[in-house]
């Protein structure tokens, strides 16, 4: 794997590069969804704000899971002293390159999307309706962005891989940020999540071709993405911190994924039977010019 790419004096982390590519892919999909639904909003601005919020939220959630490690990291970052700001900045950037929690990023991203929806007023909606409509519009873009972003975990070998395996698709990360032992092959879970996310994005895109109750598509996304994350965690090396000695041992990500599934089901039940939101896509198909 290639955690870093050196171009002369430039030292680039592949995780950051793939995160940028994920944002580009999400922007393209969101823009196309805006166009087909007649939404006058700038997809690039929306994604830029969501990415910033998501990264901060994911890093914050991850670090707050182990406050002792966070304090140790802060002491190391500040060790050179504030008279050496360059060294402090280097330590901070190195610390910030790894250690992100999906659930924290999702929560922060949802909050930012809802705020962006209230500002953009898609299809003339205002208030909470505009916020929820933005979530529906962004669902396929979120799936694409998540899947492509997982490639950054794969190329950097940051510890998001799975348990050891003897299957032909096993991969080793001897030079990763969190290296595997020499000769040990593990489940390439980021690749599994990429494939799953691409299928999910296609499925939600197809759902968006018809008028749906406001928030229903978001509910579908929360249920399916949460289920996918719960299942992949079963073969990932993340520690099982809840009921660790029982048959129901779960990781923090699995608990968060279950919360996503429950929230999605409740949202789908709440929206069931309600009037569909306007769909310029369906109207265009019914009355071609």
C-alpha atoms as a PDB file:
ATOM      1  CA  UNK A   1       0.000   0.000   0.000  1.00  0.00           C
ATOM      2  CA  UNK A   2       1.008   3.634  -0.335  1.00  0.00           C
ATOM      3  CA  UNK A   3       0.170   5.700   2.774  1.00  0.00           C
ATOM      4  CA  UNK A   4       2.130   8.601   1.309  1.00  0.00           C
ATOM      5  CA  UNK A   5       3.225   9.821  -2.107  1.00  0.00           C
ATOM      6  CA  UNK A   6       6.438  11.841  -2.320  1.00  0.00           C
ATOM      7  CA  UNK A   7       6.702  14.316  -5.193  1.00  0.00           C
ATOM      8  CA  UNK A   8      10.038  15.969  -4.618  1.00  0.00           C
ATOM      9  CA  UNK A   9       9.705  17.955  -1.384  1.00  0.00           C
ATOM     10  CA  UNK A  10       5.907  17.417  -1.295  1.00  0.00           C
ATOM     11  CA  UNK A  11       4.720  14.670   1.104  1.00  0.00           C
ATOM     12  CA  UNK A  12       1.096  13.766   0.325  1.00  0.00           C
ATOM     13  CA  UNK A  13      -1.101  11.365   2.253  1.00  0.00           C
ATOM     14  CA  UNK A  14      -3.157   9.085   0.015  1.00  0.00           C
ATOM     15  CA  UNK A  15      -6.038   9.169   2.505  1.00  0.00           C
ATOM     16  CA  UNK A  16      -6.376  12.913   1.961  1.00  0.00           C
ATOM     17  CA  UNK A  17      -6.137  12.537  -1.808  1.00  0.00           C
ATOM     18  CA  UNK A  18      -8.901   9.923  -1.872  1.00  0.00           C
ATOM     19  CA  UNK A  19     -11.011  12.058   0.455  1.00  0.00           C
ATOM     20  CA  UNK A  20     -10.702  14.843  -2.114  1.00  0.00           C
ATOM     21  CA  UNK A  21     -11.698  12.417  -4.890  1.00  0.00           C
ATOM     22  CA  UNK A  22     -14.694  11.314  -2.807  1.00  0.00           C
ATOM     23  CA  UNK A  23     -15.793  14.935  -2.510  1.00  0.00           C
ATOM     24  CA  UNK A  24     -15.457  15.384  -6.285  1.00  0.00           C
ATOM     25  CA  UNK A  25     -17.533  12.270  -6.986  1.00  0.00           C
ATOM     26  CA  UNK A  26     -20.196  13.333  -4.492  1.00  0.00           C
ATOM     27  CA  UNK A  27     -20.316  16.814  -6.027  1.00  0.00           C
ATOM     28  CA  UNK A  28     -20.904  15.412  -9.517  1.00  0.00           C
ATOM     29  CA  UNK A  29     -23.740  13.155  -8.334  1.00  0.00           C
ATOM     30  CA  UNK A  30     -25.359  15.888  -6.228  1.00  0.00           C
ATOM     31  CA  UNK A  31     -25.142  18.364  -9.123  1.00  0.00           C
ATOM     32  CA  UNK A  32     -26.866  15.882 -11.448  1.00  0.00           C
ATOM     33  CA  UNK A  33     -29.579  15.315  -8.852  1.00  0.00           C
ATOM     34  CA  UNK A  34     -30.085  19.069  -8.503  1.00  0.00           C
ATOM     35  CA  UNK A  35     -30.374  19.401 -12.280  1.00  0.00           C
ATOM     36  CA  UNK A  36     -32.871  16.589 -12.736  1.00  0.00           C
ATOM     37  CA  UNK A  37     -35.032  17.975  -9.901  1.00  0.00           C
ATOM     38  CA  UNK A  38     -34.816  21.589 -11.008  1.00  0.00           C
ATOM     39  CA  UNK A  39     -33.001  22.745  -7.858  1.00  0.00           C
ATOM     40  CA  UNK A  40     -31.118  26.035  -8.154  1.00  0.00           C
ATOM     41  CA  UNK A  41     -28.244  25.399  -5.754  1.00  0.00           C
ATOM     42  CA  UNK A  42     -24.468  25.083  -5.995  1.00  0.00           C
ATOM     43  CA  UNK A  43     -23.516  21.451  -5.379  1.00  0.00           C
ATOM     44  CA  UNK A  44     -19.835  22.324  -4.937  1.00  0.00           C
ATOM     45  CA  UNK A  45     -20.586  24.730  -2.090  1.00  0.00           C
ATOM     46  CA  UNK A  46     -22.894  22.217  -0.405  1.00  0.00           C
ATOM     47  CA  UNK A  47     -20.339  19.393  -0.587  1.00  0.00           C
ATOM     48  CA  UNK A  48     -17.461  21.625   0.526  1.00  0.00           C
ATOM     49  CA  UNK A  49     -19.271  22.619   3.723  1.00  0.00           C
ATOM     50  CA  UNK A  50     -20.408  19.041   4.360  1.00  0.00           C
ATOM     51  CA  UNK A  51     -16.883  17.651   3.913  1.00  0.00           C
ATOM     52  CA  UNK A  52     -15.410  20.152   6.350  1.00  0.00           C
ATOM     53  CA  UNK A  53     -18.132  19.445   8.905  1.00  0.00           C
ATOM     54  CA  UNK A  54     -17.861  15.697   8.341  1.00  0.00           C
ATOM     55  CA  UNK A  55     -14.082  15.576   8.812  1.00  0.00           C
ATOM     56  CA  UNK A  56     -14.279  17.619  12.014  1.00  0.00           C
ATOM     57  CA  UNK A  57     -17.179  15.531  13.293  1.00  0.00           C
ATOM     58  CA  UNK A  58     -15.498  12.221  12.450  1.00  0.00           C
ATOM     59  CA  UNK A  59     -12.229  13.224  14.090  1.00  0.00           C
ATOM     60  CA  UNK A  60     -13.987  14.581  17.175  1.00  0.00           C
ATOM     61  CA  UNK A  61     -16.103  11.452  17.621  1.00  0.00           C
ATOM     62  CA  UNK A  62     -13.057   9.184  17.229  1.00  0.00           C
ATOM     63  CA  UNK A  63     -10.924  11.088  19.714  1.00  0.00           C
ATOM     64  CA  UNK A  64     -13.665  11.360  22.342  1.00  0.00           C
ATOM     65  CA  UNK A  65     -13.910   7.563  22.415  1.00  0.00           C
ATOM     66  CA  UNK A  66     -10.591   7.501  24.291  1.00  0.00           C
ATOM     67  CA  UNK A  67     -10.019  10.736  26.191  1.00  0.00           C
ATOM     68  CA  UNK A  68      -6.758   9.457  27.735  1.00  0.00           C
ATOM     69  CA  UNK A  69      -5.227   8.932  24.277  1.00  0.00           C
ATOM     70  CA  UNK A  70      -6.471  12.352  23.219  1.00  0.00           C
ATOM     71  CA  UNK A  71      -4.761  14.029  26.162  1.00  0.00           C
ATOM     72  CA  UNK A  72      -1.533  12.152  25.411  1.00  0.00           C
ATOM     73  CA  UNK A  73      -1.692  13.252  21.779  1.00  0.00           C
ATOM     74  CA  UNK A  74      -2.256  16.888  22.779  1.00  0.00           C
ATOM     75  CA  UNK A  75       0.761  16.749  25.101  1.00  0.00           C
ATOM     76  CA  UNK A  76       2.901  15.350  22.281  1.00  0.00           C
ATOM     77  CA  UNK A  77       1.702  18.004  19.840  1.00  0.00           C
ATOM     78  CA  UNK A  78       2.496  20.801  22.269  1.00  0.00           C
ATOM     79  CA  UNK A  79       5.812  19.297  23.427  1.00  0.00           C
ATOM     80  CA  UNK A  80       8.039  21.513  21.188  1.00  0.00           C
ATOM     81  CA  UNK A  81       6.528  24.590  22.847  1.00  0.00           C
ATOM     82  CA  UNK A  82       4.739  27.526  21.264  1.00  0.00           C
ATOM     83  CA  UNK A  83       8.077  29.131  20.443  1.00  0.00           C
ATOM     84  CA  UNK A  84       8.372  26.457  17.744  1.00  0.00           C
ATOM     85  CA  UNK A  85       5.057  26.814  15.875  1.00  0.00           C
ATOM     86  CA  UNK A  86       6.250  24.952  12.783  1.00  0.00           C
ATOM     87  CA  UNK A  87       7.075  21.810  14.763  1.00  0.00           C
ATOM     88  CA  UNK A  88       3.744  22.040  16.587  1.00  0.00           C
ATOM     89  CA  UNK A  89       1.914  22.358  13.252  1.00  0.00           C
ATOM     90  CA  UNK A  90       3.746  19.330  11.821  1.00  0.00           C
ATOM     91  CA  UNK A  91       2.845  17.203  14.845  1.00  0.00           C
ATOM     92  CA  UNK A  92      -0.774  18.382  14.629  1.00  0.00           C
ATOM     93  CA  UNK A  93      -1.076  17.565  10.913  1.00  0.00           C
ATOM     94  CA  UNK A  94       0.460  14.140  11.469  1.00  0.00           C
ATOM     95  CA  UNK A  95      -2.053  13.466  14.273  1.00  0.00           C
ATOM     96  CA  UNK A  96      -4.947  14.686  12.122  1.00  0.00           C
ATOM     97  CA  UNK A  97      -4.117  12.352   9.209  1.00  0.00           C
ATOM     98  CA  UNK A  98      -5.650   9.267  10.801  1.00  0.00           C
ATOM     99  CA  UNK A  99      -8.337   8.298  13.269  1.00  0.00           C
ATOM    100  CA  UNK A 100     -11.846   9.130  12.026  1.00  0.00           C
ATOM    101  CA  UNK A 101     -15.206   7.707  13.092  1.00  0.00           C
ATOM    102  CA  UNK A 102     -17.903   7.202  10.483  1.00  0.00           C
ATOM    103  CA  UNK A 103     -20.786   7.967  12.858  1.00  0.00           C
ATOM    104  CA  UNK A 104     -19.381  11.308  13.967  1.00  0.00           C
ATOM    105  CA  UNK A 105     -18.861  12.316  10.362  1.00  0.00           C
ATOM    106  CA  UNK A 106     -22.378  11.232   9.423  1.00  0.00           C
ATOM    107  CA  UNK A 107     -24.005  13.220  12.231  1.00  0.00           C
ATOM    108  CA  UNK A 108     -22.013  16.355  11.443  1.00  0.00           C
ATOM    109  CA  UNK A 109     -22.676  15.913   7.716  1.00  0.00           C
ATOM    110  CA  UNK A 110     -26.424  15.526   8.268  1.00  0.00           C
ATOM    111  CA  UNK A 111     -26.529  18.649  10.422  1.00  0.00           C
ATOM    112  CA  UNK A 112     -24.633  20.652   7.796  1.00  0.00           C
ATOM    113  CA  UNK A 113     -26.832  19.333   4.964  1.00  0.00           C
ATOM    114  CA  UNK A 114     -29.969  20.359   6.831  1.00  0.00           C
ATOM    115  CA  UNK A 115     -28.582  23.830   7.399  1.00  0.00           C
ATOM    116  CA  UNK A 116     -27.628  24.060   3.726  1.00  0.00           C
ATOM    117  CA  UNK A 117     -31.147  22.975   2.769  1.00  0.00           C
ATOM    118  CA  UNK A 118     -32.713  25.759   4.824  1.00  0.00           C
ATOM    119  CA  UNK A 119     -30.421  28.227   3.077  1.00  0.00           C
ATOM    120  CA  UNK A 120     -30.872  26.861  -0.457  1.00  0.00           C
ATOM    121  CA  UNK A 121     -34.672  26.372  -0.207  1.00  0.00           C
ATOM    122  CA  UNK A 122     -34.818  23.523  -2.789  1.00  0.00           C
ATOM    123  CA  UNK A 123     -37.959  23.554  -4.947  1.00  0.00           C
ATOM    124  CA  UNK A 124     -39.275  26.558  -3.037  1.00  0.00           C
ATOM    125  CA  UNK A 125     -39.456  24.746   0.302  1.00  0.00           C
ATOM    126  CA  UNK A 126     -38.585  26.504   3.547  1.00  0.00           C
ATOM    127  CA  UNK A 127     -37.833  25.570   7.144  1.00  0.00           C
ATOM    128  CA  UNK A 128     -37.637  21.925   8.143  1.00  0.00           C
ATOM    129  CA  UNK A 129     -39.138  20.782   4.822  1.00  0.00           C
ATOM    130  CA  UNK A 130     -36.232  22.347   2.933  1.00  0.00           C
ATOM    131  CA  UNK A 131     -33.759  20.750   5.360  1.00  0.00           C
ATOM    132  CA  UNK A 132     -35.217  17.258   4.920  1.00  0.00           C
ATOM    133  CA  UNK A 133     -35.529  17.671   1.145  1.00  0.00           C
ATOM    134  CA  UNK A 134     -31.797  18.391   0.973  1.00  0.00           C
ATOM    135  CA  UNK A 135     -31.140  15.114   2.798  1.00  0.00           C
ATOM    136  CA  UNK A 136     -33.205  13.232   0.221  1.00  0.00           C
ATOM    137  CA  UNK A 137     -31.400  14.904  -2.665  1.00  0.00           C
ATOM    138  CA  UNK A 138     -27.976  14.221  -1.151  1.00  0.00           C
ATOM    139  CA  UNK A 139     -28.542  10.529  -0.335  1.00  0.00           C
ATOM    140  CA  UNK A 140     -27.032   9.031  -3.544  1.00  0.00           C
ATOM    141  CA  UNK A 141     -24.127  11.490  -3.383  1.00  0.00           C
ATOM    142  CA  UNK A 142     -23.479  10.481   0.220  1.00  0.00           C
ATOM    143  CA  UNK A 143     -23.320   6.820  -0.775  1.00  0.00           C
ATOM    144  CA  UNK A 144     -20.873   7.522  -3.601  1.00  0.00           C
ATOM    145  CA  UNK A 145     -18.698   9.757  -1.434  1.00  0.00           C
ATOM    146  CA  UNK A 146     -18.532   7.229   1.374  1.00  0.00           C
ATOM    147  CA  UNK A 147     -17.530   4.398  -0.948  1.00  0.00           C
ATOM    148  CA  UNK A 148     -14.803   6.352  -2.751  1.00  0.00           C
ATOM    149  CA  UNK A 149     -13.527   7.704   0.551  1.00  0.00           C
ATOM    150  CA  UNK A 150     -13.047   4.146   1.791  1.00  0.00           C
ATOM    151  CA  UNK A 151     -10.437   3.708  -0.933  1.00  0.00           C
ATOM    152  CA  UNK A 152      -8.311   6.125   1.103  1.00  0.00           C
ATOM    153  CA  UNK A 153      -8.481   3.709   4.030  1.00  0.00           C
ATOM    154  CA  UNK A 154      -7.373   0.945   1.677  1.00  0.00           C
ATOM    155  CA  UNK A 155      -4.424   2.756   0.111  1.00  0.00           C
ATOM    156  CA  UNK A 156      -3.160   4.082   3.442  1.00  0.00           C
ATOM    157  CA  UNK A 157      -3.723   0.876   5.419  1.00  0.00           C
ATOM    158  CA  UNK A 158      -5.068   2.892   8.336  1.00  0.00           C
ATOM    159  CA  UNK A 159      -6.450  -0.057  10.308  1.00  0.00           C
ATOM    160  CA  UNK A 160      -9.937  -0.182   8.793  1.00  0.00           C
ATOM    161  CA  UNK A 161      -9.209  -3.545   7.219  1.00  0.00           C
ATOM    162  CA  UNK A 162     -10.660  -6.846   8.380  1.00  0.00           C
ATOM    163  CA  UNK A 163      -9.651  -9.943  10.249  1.00  0.00           C
ATOM    164  CA  UNK A 164      -7.053 -12.428   8.914  1.00  0.00           C
ATOM    165  CA  UNK A 165      -8.242 -14.632   6.056  1.00  0.00           C
ATOM    166  CA  UNK A 166      -6.976 -17.374   3.777  1.00  0.00           C
ATOM    167  CA  UNK A 167      -9.373 -16.465   0.970  1.00  0.00           C
ATOM    168  CA  UNK A 168      -7.921 -15.545  -2.435  1.00  0.00           C
ATOM    169  CA  UNK A 169      -8.973 -11.907  -2.031  1.00  0.00           C
ATOM    170  CA  UNK A 170      -6.949 -11.443   1.157  1.00  0.00           C
ATOM    171  CA  UNK A 171      -4.643  -8.393   1.232  1.00  0.00           C
ATOM    172  CA  UNK A 172      -1.618  -7.513   3.370  1.00  0.00           C
ATOM    173  CA  UNK A 173      -0.741  -4.037   4.674  1.00  0.00           C
ATOM    174  CA  UNK A 174       2.876  -4.472   5.862  1.00  0.00           C
ATOM    175  CA  UNK A 175       3.654  -0.813   5.074  1.00  0.00           C
ATOM    176  CA  UNK A 176       0.328   0.691   6.104  1.00  0.00           C
ATOM    177  CA  UNK A 177      -0.213   3.307   8.762  1.00  0.00           C
ATOM    178  CA  UNK A 178      -1.394   0.405  10.928  1.00  0.00           C
ATOM    179  CA  UNK A 179       0.735  -2.396   9.458  1.00  0.00           C
ATOM    180  CA  UNK A 180      -0.207  -6.059   9.357  1.00  0.00           C
ATOM    181  CA  UNK A 181       2.345  -8.704  10.319  1.00  0.00           C
ATOM    182  CA  UNK A 182       4.573  -9.926   7.473  1.00  0.00           C
ATOM    183  CA  UNK A 183       2.825 -12.620   5.460  1.00  0.00           C
ATOM    184  CA  UNK A 184      -0.569 -12.053   7.093  1.00  0.00           C
ATOM    185  CA  UNK A 185      -3.493 -11.458   4.731  1.00  0.00           C
ATOM    186  CA  UNK A 186      -6.697  -9.760   5.924  1.00  0.00           C
ATOM    187  CA  UNK A 187     -10.190  -9.068   4.631  1.00  0.00           C
ATOM    188  CA  UNK A 188     -10.127  -5.952   2.350  1.00  0.00           C
ATOM    189  CA  UNK A 189     -13.223  -4.454   3.970  1.00  0.00           C
ATOM    190  CA  UNK A 190     -12.807  -1.000   2.347  1.00  0.00           C
ATOM    191  CA  UNK A 191     -13.217  -2.659  -1.064  1.00  0.00           C
ATOM    192  CA  UNK A 192     -16.354  -4.449   0.118  1.00  0.00           C
ATOM    193  CA  UNK A 193     -17.761  -1.119   1.296  1.00  0.00           C
ATOM    194  CA  UNK A 194     -16.924   0.553  -2.016  1.00  0.00           C
ATOM    195  CA  UNK A 195     -18.882  -2.086  -3.950  1.00  0.00           C
ATOM    196  CA  UNK A 196     -21.778  -1.929  -1.496  1.00  0.00           C
ATOM    197  CA  UNK A 197     -21.885   1.866  -1.673  1.00  0.00           C
ATOM    198  CA  UNK A 198     -21.930   1.935  -5.470  1.00  0.00           C
ATOM    199  CA  UNK A 199     -24.898  -0.451  -5.501  1.00  0.00           C
ATOM    200  CA  UNK A 200     -26.656   1.592  -2.815  1.00  0.00           C
ATOM    201  CA  UNK A 201     -26.096   4.837  -4.727  1.00  0.00           C
ATOM    202  CA  UNK A 202     -27.557   3.312  -7.912  1.00  0.00           C
ATOM    203  CA  UNK A 203     -30.579   1.969  -6.005  1.00  0.00           C
ATOM    204  CA  UNK A 204     -31.351   5.301  -4.328  1.00  0.00           C
ATOM    205  CA  UNK A 205     -30.872   7.136  -7.630  1.00  0.00           C
ATOM    206  CA  UNK A 206     -33.530   4.898  -9.159  1.00  0.00           C
ATOM    207  CA  UNK A 207     -35.879   5.575  -6.233  1.00  0.00           C
ATOM    208  CA  UNK A 208     -35.490   9.304  -6.877  1.00  0.00           C
ATOM    209  CA  UNK A 209     -37.053   8.975 -10.317  1.00  0.00           C
ATOM    210  CA  UNK A 210     -40.520   8.903  -8.733  1.00  0.00           C
ATOM    211  CA  UNK A 211     -42.176  11.294  -6.311  1.00  0.00           C
ATOM    212  CA  UNK A 212     -41.664  10.077  -2.743  1.00  0.00           C
ATOM    213  CA  UNK A 213     -42.862  11.353   0.629  1.00  0.00           C
ATOM    214  CA  UNK A 214     -40.510  13.939   2.085  1.00  0.00           C
ATOM    215  CA  UNK A 215     -37.793  12.165   4.091  1.00  0.00           C
ATOM    216  CA  UNK A 216     -38.609   8.645   2.877  1.00  0.00           C
ATOM    217  CA  UNK A 217     -35.481   8.331   0.716  1.00  0.00           C
ATOM    218  CA  UNK A 218     -33.359   9.499   3.632  1.00  0.00           C
ATOM    219  CA  UNK A 219     -34.934   6.761   5.732  1.00  0.00           C
ATOM    220  CA  UNK A 220     -34.078   4.158   3.100  1.00  0.00           C
ATOM    221  CA  UNK A 221     -30.486   5.384   3.017  1.00  0.00           C
ATOM    222  CA  UNK A 222     -30.126   5.245   6.808  1.00  0.00           C
ATOM    223  CA  UNK A 223     -31.515   1.709   6.984  1.00  0.00           C
ATOM    224  CA  UNK A 224     -29.484   0.165   4.145  1.00  0.00           C
ATOM    225  CA  UNK A 225     -26.215   1.987   4.858  1.00  0.00           C
ATOM    226  CA  UNK A 226     -26.514   1.172   8.559  1.00  0.00           C
ATOM    227  CA  UNK A 227     -27.182  -2.479   7.820  1.00  0.00           C
ATOM    228  CA  UNK A 228     -24.172  -2.616   5.495  1.00  0.00           C
ATOM    229  CA  UNK A 229     -21.908  -1.049   8.089  1.00  0.00           C
ATOM    230  CA  UNK A 230     -23.158  -3.409  10.811  1.00  0.00           C
ATOM    231  CA  UNK A 231     -22.414  -6.462   8.666  1.00  0.00           C
ATOM    232  CA  UNK A 232     -18.942  -5.390   7.537  1.00  0.00           C
ATOM    233  CA  UNK A 233     -17.966  -4.719  11.150  1.00  0.00           C
ATOM    234  CA  UNK A 234     -18.399  -8.433  11.818  1.00  0.00           C
ATOM    235  CA  UNK A 235     -15.169  -9.092   9.905  1.00  0.00           C
ATOM    236  CA  UNK A 236     -13.315  -5.897  10.827  1.00  0.00           C
ATOM    237  CA  UNK A 237     -10.629  -5.629  13.512  1.00  0.00           C
ATOM    238  CA  UNK A 238     -12.358  -2.852  15.448  1.00  0.00           C
ATOM    239  CA  UNK A 239     -12.578  -3.813  19.137  1.00  0.00           C
ATOM    240  CA  UNK A 240     -15.908  -5.062  20.463  1.00  0.00           C
ATOM    241  CA  UNK A 241     -16.432  -2.683  23.390  1.00  0.00           C
ATOM    242  CA  UNK A 242     -20.090  -3.444  24.188  1.00  0.00           C
ATOM    243  CA  UNK A 243     -20.806  -6.790  25.891  1.00  0.00           C
ATOM    244  CA  UNK A 244     -17.281  -7.948  24.902  1.00  0.00           C
ATOM    245  CA  UNK A 245     -17.538 -11.374  26.535  1.00  0.00           C
ATOM    246  CA  UNK A 246     -20.950 -12.303  25.154  1.00  0.00           C
ATOM    247  CA  UNK A 247     -22.252 -13.585  21.845  1.00  0.00           C
ATOM    248  CA  UNK A 248     -23.682 -10.089  21.264  1.00  0.00           C
ATOM    249  CA  UNK A 249     -20.344  -8.264  21.421  1.00  0.00           C
ATOM    250  CA  UNK A 250     -20.450  -5.173  19.197  1.00  0.00           C
ATOM    251  CA  UNK A 251     -18.060  -2.413  18.217  1.00  0.00           C
ATOM    252  CA  UNK A 252     -18.821   1.261  18.606  1.00  0.00           C
ATOM    253  CA  UNK A 253     -19.453   1.476  14.852  1.00  0.00           C
ATOM    254  CA  UNK A 254     -21.930  -1.414  15.021  1.00  0.00           C
ATOM    255  CA  UNK A 255     -23.866   0.274  17.812  1.00  0.00           C
ATOM    256  CA  UNK A 256     -23.965   3.471  15.751  1.00  0.00           C
ATOM    257  CA  UNK A 257     -25.057   1.485  12.686  1.00  0.00           C
ATOM    258  CA  UNK A 258     -27.945  -0.025  14.643  1.00  0.00           C
ATOM    259  CA  UNK A 259     -28.936   3.503  15.643  1.00  0.00           C
ATOM    260  CA  UNK A 260     -28.912   4.473  11.965  1.00  0.00           C
ATOM    261  CA  UNK A 261     -31.159   1.531  11.079  1.00  0.00           C
ATOM    262  CA  UNK A 262     -33.629   2.339  13.852  1.00  0.00           C
ATOM    263  CA  UNK A 263     -33.719   6.038  12.908  1.00  0.00           C
ATOM    264  CA  UNK A 264     -34.276   5.132   9.256  1.00  0.00           C
ATOM    265  CA  UNK A 265     -37.129   2.741  10.055  1.00  0.00           C
ATOM    266  CA  UNK A 266     -38.840   5.322  12.259  1.00  0.00           C
ATOM    267  CA  UNK A 267     -38.484   7.952   9.535  1.00  0.00           C
ATOM    268  CA  UNK A 268     -39.926   5.626   6.890  1.00  0.00           C
ATOM    269  CA  UNK A 269     -42.849   4.737   9.147  1.00  0.00           C
ATOM    270  CA  UNK A 270     -43.484   8.413   9.893  1.00  0.00           C
ATOM    271  CA  UNK A 271     -43.545   9.349   6.215  1.00  0.00           C
ATOM    272  CA  UNK A 272     -45.610   6.352   5.067  1.00  0.00           C
ATOM    273  CA  UNK A 273     -48.902   7.449   3.588  1.00  0.00           C
ATOM    274  CA  UNK A 274     -47.939  11.119   3.406  1.00  0.00           C
ATOM    275  CA  UNK A 275     -48.256  13.061   0.157  1.00  0.00           C
ATOM    276  CA  UNK A 276     -45.215  12.710  -2.134  1.00  0.00           C
ATOM    277  CA  UNK A 277     -42.867  15.661  -2.521  1.00  0.00           C
ATOM    278  CA  UNK A 278     -42.854  17.383  -5.938  1.00  0.00           C
ATOM    279  CA  UNK A 279     -40.894  15.456  -8.566  1.00  0.00           C
ATOM    280  CA  UNK A 280     -39.917  17.331 -11.736  1.00  0.00           C
ATOM    281  CA  UNK A 281     -38.241  14.100 -12.840  1.00  0.00           C
ATOM    282  CA  UNK A 282     -41.524  12.176 -12.856  1.00  0.00           C
ATOM    283  CA  UNK A 283     -43.359  15.076 -14.488  1.00  0.00           C
ATOM    284  CA  UNK A 284     -40.765  15.288 -17.272  1.00  0.00           C
ATOM    285  CA  UNK A 285     -41.103  11.552 -17.983  1.00  0.00           C
ATOM    286  CA  UNK A 286     -44.911  11.766 -18.029  1.00  0.00           C
ATOM    287  CA  UNK A 287     -44.976  14.828 -20.326  1.00  0.00           C
ATOM    288  CA  UNK A 288     -41.960  14.775 -22.657  1.00  0.00           C
ATOM    289  CA  UNK A 289     -41.429  17.964 -24.620  1.00  0.00           C
END
